[in-house]
């Protein structure tokens, strides 16, 4: 598993595929790791080919680390299960001043709540605060 995680972290898709041929533990940890490191090609392989599970943490990792393309892919390919508290993705994006990820999450149906606004304010996320003020008439 460690070898596979290292290859995902470094974005070596061909090595991920090679190792994956004999791999049997396709866990959510792999997609979470790919999203955390912004390795879009690896993420696509893991979701579409290897059929690794995607969790709320996969979305959070992409939003928190400002990997908009990964986040956009996840929304368009997997969708965020409504059973999850859908403001959590906007909270992580806003709290880390990741404006493009915040916009992406909102465009794909994630909620903006007081917790989202508080996360932006707490971390002085100026870009996200300004966007939220304009878009949601925040005082």
N, C-alpha and C. Protein backbone atom coordinates (compact mmCIF):
# COMPACT_ATOMS: atom_id res chain seq x y z
N UNK A 1 0.82 -1.19 0.00
CA UNK A 1 0.00 0.00 0.00
C UNK A 1 0.87 1.26 0.00
N UNK A 2 1.92 1.27 0.80
CA UNK A 2 2.78 2.45 0.90
C UNK A 2 3.41 2.79 -0.45
N UNK A 3 3.81 1.77 -1.17
CA UNK A 3 4.41 2.00 -2.49
C UNK A 3 3.40 2.66 -3.43
N UNK A 4 2.19 2.19 -3.40
CA UNK A 4 1.13 2.75 -4.24
C UNK A 4 0.83 4.19 -3.84
N UNK A 5 0.75 4.47 -2.56
CA UNK A 5 0.51 5.84 -2.10
C UNK A 5 1.61 6.79 -2.55
N UNK A 6 2.85 6.32 -2.50
CA UNK A 6 3.99 7.15 -2.93
C UNK A 6 3.88 7.47 -4.42
N UNK A 7 3.50 6.51 -5.21
CA UNK A 7 3.35 6.73 -6.65
C UNK A 7 2.19 7.70 -6.94
N UNK A 8 1.12 7.59 -6.18
CA UNK A 8 0.00 8.52 -6.33
C UNK A 8 0.45 9.93 -5.96
N UNK A 9 1.12 10.05 -4.82
CA UNK A 9 1.61 11.35 -4.36
C UNK A 9 2.45 12.04 -5.43
N UNK A 10 3.27 11.28 -6.11
CA UNK A 10 4.16 11.84 -7.12
C UNK A 10 3.55 11.88 -8.52
N UNK A 11 2.32 11.44 -8.63
CA UNK A 11 1.61 11.53 -9.90
C UNK A 11 2.14 10.62 -10.98
N UNK A 12 2.69 9.50 -10.60
CA UNK A 12 3.25 8.55 -11.58
C UNK A 12 2.17 7.53 -11.97
N UNK A 13 1.32 7.95 -12.88
CA UNK A 13 0.17 7.14 -13.26
C UNK A 13 0.57 5.76 -13.78
N UNK A 14 1.58 5.69 -14.61
CA UNK A 14 1.97 4.38 -15.17
C UNK A 14 2.40 3.42 -14.07
N UNK A 15 3.08 3.93 -13.04
CA UNK A 15 3.46 3.08 -11.92
C UNK A 15 2.24 2.68 -11.09
N UNK A 16 1.28 3.59 -10.96
CA UNK A 16 0.04 3.27 -10.25
C UNK A 16 -0.67 2.13 -10.97
N UNK A 17 -0.72 2.22 -12.29
CA UNK A 17 -1.37 1.17 -13.09
C UNK A 17 -0.60 -0.15 -12.94
N UNK A 18 0.73 -0.09 -13.02
CA UNK A 18 1.56 -1.30 -12.91
C UNK A 18 1.36 -1.98 -11.56
N UNK A 19 1.45 -1.20 -10.49
CA UNK A 19 1.28 -1.75 -9.15
C UNK A 19 -0.16 -2.23 -8.97
N UNK A 20 -1.08 -1.49 -9.54
CA UNK A 20 -2.50 -1.81 -9.40
C UNK A 20 -2.90 -3.15 -9.98
N UNK A 21 -2.11 -3.65 -10.94
CA UNK A 21 -2.45 -4.95 -11.55
C UNK A 21 -2.45 -6.08 -10.54
N UNK A 22 -1.64 -5.94 -9.49
CA UNK A 22 -1.60 -7.00 -8.48
C UNK A 22 -2.18 -6.54 -7.15
N UNK A 23 -2.82 -5.40 -7.17
CA UNK A 23 -3.34 -4.81 -5.93
C UNK A 23 -4.79 -5.22 -5.74
N UNK A 24 -5.17 -5.53 -4.52
CA UNK A 24 -6.55 -5.96 -4.26
C UNK A 24 -7.29 -5.07 -3.27
N UNK A 25 -6.59 -4.19 -2.57
CA UNK A 25 -7.22 -3.36 -1.54
C UNK A 25 -7.48 -1.95 -2.06
N UNK A 26 -8.45 -1.81 -2.95
CA UNK A 26 -8.78 -0.52 -3.54
C UNK A 26 -9.67 0.27 -2.56
N UNK A 27 -9.05 0.95 -1.63
CA UNK A 27 -9.81 1.63 -0.57
C UNK A 27 -9.99 3.11 -0.88
N UNK A 28 -10.86 3.73 -0.12
CA UNK A 28 -11.11 5.16 -0.25
C UNK A 28 -9.87 5.99 0.07
N UNK A 29 -8.95 5.41 0.83
CA UNK A 29 -7.72 6.12 1.17
C UNK A 29 -6.95 6.54 -0.09
N UNK A 30 -7.04 5.75 -1.12
CA UNK A 30 -6.31 6.05 -2.36
C UNK A 30 -6.88 7.27 -3.06
N UNK A 31 -8.21 7.37 -3.16
CA UNK A 31 -8.80 8.54 -3.81
C UNK A 31 -8.60 9.79 -2.95
N UNK A 32 -8.67 9.62 -1.64
CA UNK A 32 -8.44 10.75 -0.74
C UNK A 32 -7.01 11.28 -0.91
N UNK A 33 -6.08 10.37 -1.05
CA UNK A 33 -4.67 10.72 -1.21
C UNK A 33 -4.45 11.44 -2.55
N UNK A 34 -5.04 10.93 -3.61
CA UNK A 34 -4.88 11.56 -4.93
C UNK A 34 -5.47 12.97 -4.92
N UNK A 35 -6.62 13.15 -4.29
CA UNK A 35 -7.24 14.47 -4.21
C UNK A 35 -6.39 15.42 -3.36
N UNK A 36 -5.83 14.92 -2.27
CA UNK A 36 -5.00 15.73 -1.38
C UNK A 36 -3.79 16.29 -2.13
N UNK A 37 -3.18 15.47 -2.98
CA UNK A 37 -1.99 15.89 -3.71
C UNK A 37 -2.31 16.48 -5.09
N UNK A 38 -3.57 16.55 -5.43
CA UNK A 38 -3.96 17.17 -6.70
C UNK A 38 -3.56 16.38 -7.92
N UNK A 39 -3.49 15.07 -7.79
CA UNK A 39 -3.07 14.21 -8.89
C UNK A 39 -4.31 13.76 -9.68
N UNK A 40 -4.75 14.63 -10.59
CA UNK A 40 -5.99 14.42 -11.31
C UNK A 40 -5.98 13.14 -12.14
N UNK A 41 -4.91 12.88 -12.88
CA UNK A 41 -4.87 11.67 -13.71
C UNK A 41 -4.97 10.41 -12.85
N UNK A 42 -4.27 10.41 -11.73
CA UNK A 42 -4.35 9.26 -10.83
C UNK A 42 -5.75 9.13 -10.25
N UNK A 43 -6.35 10.26 -9.88
CA UNK A 43 -7.71 10.26 -9.34
C UNK A 43 -8.69 9.68 -10.35
N UNK A 44 -8.59 10.12 -11.59
CA UNK A 44 -9.48 9.61 -12.64
C UNK A 44 -9.30 8.10 -12.80
N UNK A 45 -8.07 7.64 -12.83
CA UNK A 45 -7.81 6.20 -12.95
C UNK A 45 -8.42 5.44 -11.77
N UNK A 46 -8.18 5.95 -10.57
CA UNK A 46 -8.66 5.26 -9.37
C UNK A 46 -10.18 5.17 -9.33
N UNK A 47 -10.86 6.23 -9.76
CA UNK A 47 -12.32 6.25 -9.71
C UNK A 47 -12.92 5.50 -10.90
N UNK A 48 -12.47 5.82 -12.11
CA UNK A 48 -13.11 5.28 -13.31
C UNK A 48 -12.69 3.87 -13.66
N UNK A 49 -11.44 3.53 -13.43
CA UNK A 49 -10.91 2.21 -13.84
C UNK A 49 -10.86 1.25 -12.65
N UNK A 50 -10.20 1.68 -11.57
CA UNK A 50 -10.03 0.79 -10.42
C UNK A 50 -11.28 0.73 -9.54
N UNK A 51 -12.20 1.65 -9.76
CA UNK A 51 -13.46 1.69 -9.01
C UNK A 51 -13.25 1.84 -7.50
N UNK A 52 -12.29 2.68 -7.14
CA UNK A 52 -12.06 2.99 -5.72
C UNK A 52 -13.22 3.81 -5.20
N UNK A 53 -13.59 3.61 -3.97
CA UNK A 53 -14.66 4.42 -3.38
C UNK A 53 -14.22 5.87 -3.19
N UNK A 54 -15.18 6.75 -3.30
CA UNK A 54 -14.97 8.17 -3.06
C UNK A 54 -15.79 8.55 -1.84
N UNK A 55 -15.17 9.25 -0.91
CA UNK A 55 -15.86 9.67 0.31
C UNK A 55 -15.94 11.18 0.38
N UNK A 56 -16.64 11.65 1.38
CA UNK A 56 -16.69 13.08 1.62
C UNK A 56 -15.28 13.65 1.81
N UNK A 57 -14.40 12.89 2.44
CA UNK A 57 -13.03 13.35 2.66
C UNK A 57 -12.27 13.55 1.35
N UNK A 58 -12.63 12.83 0.32
CA UNK A 58 -11.99 13.03 -0.98
C UNK A 58 -12.31 14.43 -1.48
N UNK A 59 -13.57 14.84 -1.37
CA UNK A 59 -13.99 16.20 -1.76
C UNK A 59 -13.31 17.25 -0.88
N UNK A 60 -13.30 16.98 0.42
CA UNK A 60 -12.69 17.93 1.37
C UNK A 60 -11.22 18.14 1.05
N UNK A 61 -10.49 17.05 0.78
CA UNK A 61 -9.07 17.18 0.48
C UNK A 61 -8.82 18.05 -0.74
N UNK A 62 -9.61 17.86 -1.78
CA UNK A 62 -9.44 18.66 -2.99
C UNK A 62 -9.74 20.13 -2.69
N UNK A 63 -10.82 20.40 -1.95
CA UNK A 63 -11.19 21.78 -1.64
C UNK A 63 -10.18 22.45 -0.71
N UNK A 64 -9.74 21.71 0.29
CA UNK A 64 -8.81 22.27 1.28
C UNK A 64 -7.47 22.61 0.65
N UNK A 65 -7.01 21.77 -0.26
CA UNK A 65 -5.67 21.95 -0.84
C UNK A 65 -5.70 22.73 -2.16
N UNK A 66 -6.87 23.25 -2.51
CA UNK A 66 -7.04 24.12 -3.68
C UNK A 66 -6.78 23.40 -5.00
N UNK A 67 -7.30 22.21 -5.13
CA UNK A 67 -7.18 21.44 -6.36
C UNK A 67 -8.52 21.47 -7.09
N UNK A 68 -8.77 22.60 -7.74
CA UNK A 68 -10.08 22.82 -8.36
C UNK A 68 -10.41 21.77 -9.41
N UNK A 69 -9.43 21.39 -10.23
CA UNK A 69 -9.72 20.41 -11.28
C UNK A 69 -10.12 19.06 -10.68
N UNK A 70 -9.47 18.67 -9.60
CA UNK A 70 -9.86 17.43 -8.91
C UNK A 70 -11.27 17.56 -8.35
N UNK A 71 -11.55 18.69 -7.73
CA UNK A 71 -12.86 18.91 -7.13
C UNK A 71 -13.95 18.91 -8.21
N UNK A 72 -13.68 19.58 -9.30
CA UNK A 72 -14.65 19.64 -10.39
C UNK A 72 -14.90 18.24 -10.96
N UNK A 73 -13.84 17.49 -11.16
CA UNK A 73 -13.98 16.11 -11.65
C UNK A 73 -14.84 15.28 -10.69
N UNK A 74 -14.57 15.40 -9.39
CA UNK A 74 -15.32 14.63 -8.40
C UNK A 74 -16.81 14.96 -8.45
N UNK A 75 -17.12 16.24 -8.52
CA UNK A 75 -18.54 16.63 -8.60
C UNK A 75 -19.18 16.10 -9.87
N UNK A 76 -18.50 16.22 -10.98
CA UNK A 76 -19.09 15.84 -12.26
C UNK A 76 -19.13 14.33 -12.46
N UNK A 77 -18.18 13.63 -11.89
CA UNK A 77 -18.11 12.19 -12.08
C UNK A 77 -18.86 11.41 -10.98
N UNK A 78 -18.76 11.90 -9.76
CA UNK A 78 -19.30 11.15 -8.62
C UNK A 78 -20.48 11.84 -7.95
N UNK A 79 -20.45 13.15 -7.91
CA UNK A 79 -21.47 13.88 -7.16
C UNK A 79 -21.26 13.69 -5.67
N UNK A 80 -21.63 14.67 -4.90
CA UNK A 80 -21.50 14.58 -3.44
C UNK A 80 -22.80 14.02 -2.89
N UNK A 81 -22.72 12.94 -2.19
CA UNK A 81 -23.90 12.29 -1.61
C UNK A 81 -24.62 13.26 -0.69
N UNK A 82 -25.91 13.50 -0.94
CA UNK A 82 -26.65 14.47 -0.11
C UNK A 82 -26.77 14.07 1.36
N UNK A 83 -26.42 12.83 1.67
CA UNK A 83 -26.45 12.43 3.08
C UNK A 83 -25.40 13.19 3.89
N UNK A 84 -24.35 13.66 3.19
CA UNK A 84 -23.31 14.42 3.87
C UNK A 84 -23.78 15.84 4.12
N UNK A 85 -23.19 16.46 5.11
CA UNK A 85 -23.44 17.86 5.39
C UNK A 85 -22.74 18.66 4.30
N UNK A 86 -23.48 19.14 3.32
CA UNK A 86 -22.83 19.69 2.13
C UNK A 86 -22.22 21.07 2.31
N UNK A 87 -22.29 21.64 3.50
CA UNK A 87 -21.55 22.89 3.69
C UNK A 87 -20.10 22.62 4.11
N UNK A 88 -19.78 21.38 4.39
CA UNK A 88 -18.42 21.07 4.84
C UNK A 88 -17.38 21.37 3.75
N UNK A 89 -17.72 21.13 2.50
CA UNK A 89 -16.78 21.40 1.41
C UNK A 89 -16.58 22.91 1.26
N UNK A 90 -17.66 23.69 1.35
CA UNK A 90 -17.51 25.15 1.26
C UNK A 90 -16.74 25.69 2.47
N UNK A 91 -16.92 25.07 3.63
CA UNK A 91 -16.17 25.50 4.82
C UNK A 91 -14.66 25.33 4.62
N UNK A 92 -14.27 24.18 4.10
CA UNK A 92 -12.84 23.94 3.89
C UNK A 92 -12.28 24.85 2.80
N UNK A 93 -13.02 25.04 1.74
CA UNK A 93 -12.55 25.92 0.66
C UNK A 93 -12.42 27.36 1.17
N UNK A 94 -13.47 27.86 1.83
CA UNK A 94 -13.46 29.24 2.31
C UNK A 94 -12.42 29.44 3.40
N UNK A 95 -12.30 28.48 4.29
CA UNK A 95 -11.35 28.59 5.39
C UNK A 95 -9.91 28.62 4.95
N UNK A 96 -9.65 28.11 3.75
CA UNK A 96 -8.28 28.11 3.22
C UNK A 96 -8.11 29.13 2.10
N UNK A 97 -9.10 30.02 1.95
CA UNK A 97 -9.08 31.08 0.95
C UNK A 97 -8.92 30.54 -0.47
N UNK A 98 -9.54 29.41 -0.73
CA UNK A 98 -9.48 28.78 -2.05
C UNK A 98 -10.74 29.16 -2.83
N UNK A 99 -10.71 30.36 -3.38
CA UNK A 99 -11.89 30.95 -4.01
C UNK A 99 -12.43 30.10 -5.15
N UNK A 100 -11.57 29.61 -6.02
CA UNK A 100 -12.05 28.82 -7.16
C UNK A 100 -12.72 27.53 -6.70
N UNK A 101 -12.19 26.92 -5.66
CA UNK A 101 -12.82 25.71 -5.11
C UNK A 101 -14.14 26.05 -4.44
N UNK A 102 -14.20 27.19 -3.77
CA UNK A 102 -15.45 27.64 -3.16
C UNK A 102 -16.52 27.83 -4.22
N UNK A 103 -16.16 28.52 -5.29
CA UNK A 103 -17.11 28.75 -6.39
C UNK A 103 -17.56 27.42 -7.01
N UNK A 104 -16.61 26.52 -7.22
CA UNK A 104 -16.91 25.22 -7.82
C UNK A 104 -17.90 24.44 -6.94
N UNK A 105 -17.65 24.44 -5.63
CA UNK A 105 -18.54 23.72 -4.71
C UNK A 105 -19.94 24.31 -4.73
N UNK A 106 -20.04 25.62 -4.74
CA UNK A 106 -21.34 26.27 -4.76
C UNK A 106 -22.06 25.97 -6.06
N UNK A 107 -21.33 26.03 -7.18
CA UNK A 107 -21.92 25.74 -8.50
C UNK A 107 -22.47 24.32 -8.57
N UNK A 108 -21.90 23.41 -7.78
CA UNK A 108 -22.33 22.02 -7.80
C UNK A 108 -23.26 21.68 -6.64
N UNK A 109 -23.86 22.70 -6.04
CA UNK A 109 -24.93 22.47 -5.08
C UNK A 109 -24.55 22.45 -3.62
N UNK A 110 -23.30 22.69 -3.30
CA UNK A 110 -22.93 22.72 -1.88
C UNK A 110 -23.48 24.00 -1.25
N UNK A 111 -23.85 23.88 -0.01
CA UNK A 111 -24.47 24.99 0.70
C UNK A 111 -23.43 25.95 1.26
N UNK A 112 -23.85 27.19 1.37
CA UNK A 112 -23.09 28.19 2.12
C UNK A 112 -23.88 28.44 3.39
N UNK A 113 -23.23 28.25 4.50
CA UNK A 113 -23.89 28.41 5.80
C UNK A 113 -23.10 29.41 6.63
N UNK A 114 -23.60 29.65 7.80
CA UNK A 114 -22.87 30.52 8.72
C UNK A 114 -21.49 29.93 9.03
N UNK A 115 -21.40 28.61 9.06
CA UNK A 115 -20.11 27.96 9.30
C UNK A 115 -19.12 28.27 8.17
N UNK A 116 -19.60 28.36 6.94
CA UNK A 116 -18.74 28.71 5.81
C UNK A 116 -18.19 30.12 6.00
N UNK A 117 -19.08 31.03 6.34
CA UNK A 117 -18.69 32.43 6.55
C UNK A 117 -17.72 32.53 7.73
N UNK A 118 -18.02 31.82 8.80
CA UNK A 118 -17.14 31.84 9.97
C UNK A 118 -15.75 31.31 9.65
N UNK A 119 -15.68 30.26 8.84
CA UNK A 119 -14.38 29.69 8.46
C UNK A 119 -13.56 30.72 7.69
N UNK A 120 -14.20 31.43 6.77
CA UNK A 120 -13.50 32.47 6.01
C UNK A 120 -13.04 33.60 6.92
N UNK A 121 -13.93 34.05 7.81
CA UNK A 121 -13.58 35.15 8.71
C UNK A 121 -12.47 34.76 9.68
N UNK A 122 -12.58 33.54 10.24
CA UNK A 122 -11.59 33.07 11.23
C UNK A 122 -10.18 33.05 10.65
N UNK A 123 -10.09 32.70 9.37
CA UNK A 123 -8.78 32.57 8.73
C UNK A 123 -8.42 33.76 7.85
N UNK A 124 -9.18 34.84 8.00
CA UNK A 124 -8.93 36.06 7.23
C UNK A 124 -8.76 35.76 5.74
N UNK A 125 -9.67 34.95 5.23
CA UNK A 125 -9.64 34.54 3.82
C UNK A 125 -10.30 35.63 2.98
N UNK A 126 -9.54 36.66 2.70
CA UNK A 126 -10.05 37.89 2.11
C UNK A 126 -10.78 37.66 0.79
N UNK A 127 -10.21 36.88 -0.10
CA UNK A 127 -10.85 36.64 -1.40
C UNK A 127 -12.22 36.00 -1.22
N UNK A 128 -12.29 35.01 -0.36
CA UNK A 128 -13.55 34.31 -0.13
C UNK A 128 -14.55 35.19 0.62
N UNK A 129 -14.07 35.98 1.56
CA UNK A 129 -14.95 36.90 2.29
C UNK A 129 -15.58 37.88 1.31
N UNK A 130 -14.77 38.46 0.44
CA UNK A 130 -15.30 39.42 -0.55
C UNK A 130 -16.31 38.75 -1.48
N UNK A 131 -16.00 37.55 -1.92
CA UNK A 131 -16.94 36.82 -2.80
C UNK A 131 -18.25 36.53 -2.07
N UNK A 132 -18.16 36.08 -0.85
CA UNK A 132 -19.36 35.78 -0.08
C UNK A 132 -20.19 37.03 0.19
N UNK A 133 -19.51 38.14 0.45
CA UNK A 133 -20.21 39.42 0.67
C UNK A 133 -21.01 39.79 -0.57
N UNK A 134 -20.38 39.70 -1.73
CA UNK A 134 -21.04 40.09 -2.97
C UNK A 134 -22.12 39.12 -3.37
N UNK A 135 -21.87 37.85 -3.24
CA UNK A 135 -22.80 36.83 -3.73
C UNK A 135 -23.95 36.52 -2.78
N UNK A 136 -23.72 36.69 -1.49
CA UNK A 136 -24.72 36.28 -0.50
C UNK A 136 -25.16 37.41 0.41
N UNK A 137 -24.85 38.64 0.00
CA UNK A 137 -25.23 39.84 0.75
C UNK A 137 -24.90 39.72 2.23
N UNK A 138 -23.69 39.31 2.44
CA UNK A 138 -23.17 39.12 3.81
C UNK A 138 -22.76 40.47 4.37
N UNK A 139 -23.05 40.71 5.61
CA UNK A 139 -22.65 41.97 6.27
C UNK A 139 -21.29 41.84 6.88
